[in-house]
Amino acid sequence: MPETTLGDLAHEVRSKNAGPFWVTMELFMRDAEGYRIAADESFLNERVIAELYRVEQTTVRMFRIPSLNVVKISFPRPVSQGSLRDRDIHAGQHHVPLARMPIGRPAQGAGRGDR
């Protein structure tokens, strides 16, 4: 039986440009229980995002919005939008690893030193 993922608990998971140098991802959770899981700092935090997207932990910004059941995550793009090495000009596919993250396991990076 497949593991339940963040995407399974969400109404929508999306990513987009936040200017030419930043990516923003949003988890719109279906209900308060899904939001509780996604907003749990012991499960989803700056360290987990840094490891998942290979960015510096100190650059990750997370915003938890309980009144909307939304978690918003931003971090610098690895390459600027439209540059020669940019493979996703709209950052429209960046959300996929986050959406596929299983909820039934401990957070990656737990117990490891900061980057």
Protein backbone atom coordinates (compact mmCIF):
# COMPACT_ATOMS: atom_id res chain seq x y z
CA MET A 1 0.00 0.00 0.00
CA PRO A 2 1.51 3.39 -0.97
CA GLU A 3 2.47 5.85 1.74
CA THR A 4 0.35 8.94 2.31
CA THR A 5 2.09 12.07 1.05
CA LEU A 6 1.72 15.79 1.73
CA GLY A 7 0.08 16.06 -1.68
CA ASP A 8 -2.58 13.52 -0.63
CA LEU A 9 -3.55 15.76 2.30
CA ALA A 10 -3.54 18.97 0.28
CA HIS A 11 -6.19 20.61 -1.83
CA GLU A 12 -3.33 22.03 -3.90
CA VAL A 13 0.47 22.12 -3.82
CA ARG A 14 2.01 24.65 -6.17
CA SER A 15 5.22 26.47 -6.90
CA LYS A 16 5.90 29.67 -8.75
CA ASN A 17 8.41 32.44 -9.24
CA ALA A 18 8.67 35.03 -6.54
CA GLY A 19 10.68 37.31 -8.79
CA PRO A 20 13.65 36.21 -10.93
CA PHE A 21 15.72 35.04 -7.96
CA TRP A 22 13.24 33.27 -5.60
CA VAL A 23 10.86 30.31 -5.70
CA THR A 24 7.73 30.13 -3.57
CA MET A 25 5.80 26.95 -2.85
CA GLU A 26 2.41 26.75 -1.18
CA LEU A 27 0.66 23.87 0.53
CA PHE A 28 -3.10 24.47 0.65
CA MET A 29 -4.21 21.80 3.08
CA ARG A 30 -7.71 20.30 2.89
CA ASP A 31 -8.46 20.63 6.59
CA ALA A 32 -7.09 21.52 10.00
CA GLU A 33 -5.64 18.03 10.53
CA GLY A 34 -3.67 18.18 7.28
CA TYR A 35 -2.51 21.66 8.20
CA ARG A 36 -1.41 20.43 11.64
CA ILE A 37 0.82 17.84 9.95
CA ALA A 38 2.24 20.23 7.33
CA ALA A 39 2.82 23.01 9.87
CA ASP A 40 4.49 20.74 12.43
CA GLU A 41 8.03 22.09 12.74
CA SER A 42 9.36 18.70 13.80
CA PHE A 43 8.16 17.28 10.45
CA LEU A 44 8.54 20.12 7.92
CA ASN A 45 11.12 22.76 8.65
CA GLU A 46 13.92 24.77 7.06
CA ARG A 47 16.38 21.88 7.38
CA VAL A 48 14.06 19.46 5.57
CA ILE A 49 13.46 21.93 2.74
CA ALA A 50 17.20 22.68 2.48
CA GLU A 51 17.96 18.98 2.08
CA LEU A 52 15.08 18.32 -0.29
CA TYR A 53 16.01 21.20 -2.61
CA ARG A 54 19.76 21.35 -1.98
CA VAL A 55 19.74 24.95 -0.80
CA GLU A 56 21.27 26.59 2.25
CA GLN A 57 19.09 26.17 5.33
CA THR A 58 19.60 29.79 6.35
CA THR A 59 18.02 30.99 3.09
CA VAL A 60 14.75 29.06 3.51
CA ARG A 61 11.74 31.10 4.66
CA MET A 62 8.61 29.39 5.98
CA PHE A 63 5.27 31.00 6.72
CA ARG A 64 2.51 29.10 8.53
CA ILE A 65 -0.97 30.57 8.10
CA PRO A 66 -3.41 28.61 10.29
CA SER A 67 -6.47 30.71 9.43
CA LEU A 68 -6.11 29.53 5.80
CA ASN A 69 -4.60 26.05 6.43
CA VAL A 70 -1.62 27.15 4.31
CA VAL A 71 2.12 26.67 4.61
CA LYS A 72 4.20 28.89 2.33
CA ILE A 73 7.88 28.21 1.66
CA SER A 74 10.35 30.44 -0.19
CA PHE A 75 14.02 30.06 -1.05
CA PRO A 76 16.45 31.47 -3.62
CA ARG A 77 16.40 29.89 -7.05
CA PRO A 78 19.54 27.84 -7.76
CA VAL A 79 19.92 29.82 -11.01
CA SER A 80 18.17 33.06 -11.90
CA GLN A 81 15.01 32.93 -14.01
CA GLY A 82 15.70 32.81 -17.72
CA SER A 83 19.43 32.26 -17.33
CA LEU A 84 21.26 29.81 -19.57
CA ARG A 85 21.05 26.97 -16.99
CA ASP A 86 17.40 27.60 -16.01
CA ARG A 87 15.39 24.43 -16.73
CA ASP A 88 12.05 25.63 -15.32
CA ILE A 89 11.56 29.30 -16.15
CA HIS A 90 8.28 29.59 -14.22
CA ALA A 91 9.36 27.36 -11.31
CA GLY A 92 6.17 25.45 -12.01
CA GLN A 93 7.59 22.00 -11.23
CA HIS A 94 9.52 22.77 -8.05
CA HIS A 95 6.61 21.63 -5.87
CA VAL A 96 6.75 17.99 -6.95
CA PRO A 97 9.33 16.71 -4.38
CA LEU A 98 7.41 18.49 -1.61
CA ALA A 99 4.06 17.04 -2.72
CA ARG A 100 5.57 13.53 -2.86
CA MET A 101 7.03 13.74 0.65
CA PRO A 102 5.67 10.86 2.76
CA ILE A 103 4.08 11.89 6.03
CA GLY A 104 4.56 8.56 7.77
CA ARG A 105 8.28 8.94 8.38
CA PRO A 106 10.42 11.14 10.61
CA ALA A 107 11.65 14.39 9.12
CA GLN A 108 14.85 14.10 7.11
CA GLY A 109 17.75 15.78 8.77
CA ALA A 110 16.43 15.25 12.28
CA GLY A 111 19.39 15.00 14.59
CA ARG A 112 21.91 16.18 12.00
CA GLY A 113 23.99 19.31 12.30
CA ASP A 114 22.94 22.48 10.49
CA ARG A 115 24.36 23.20 7.08
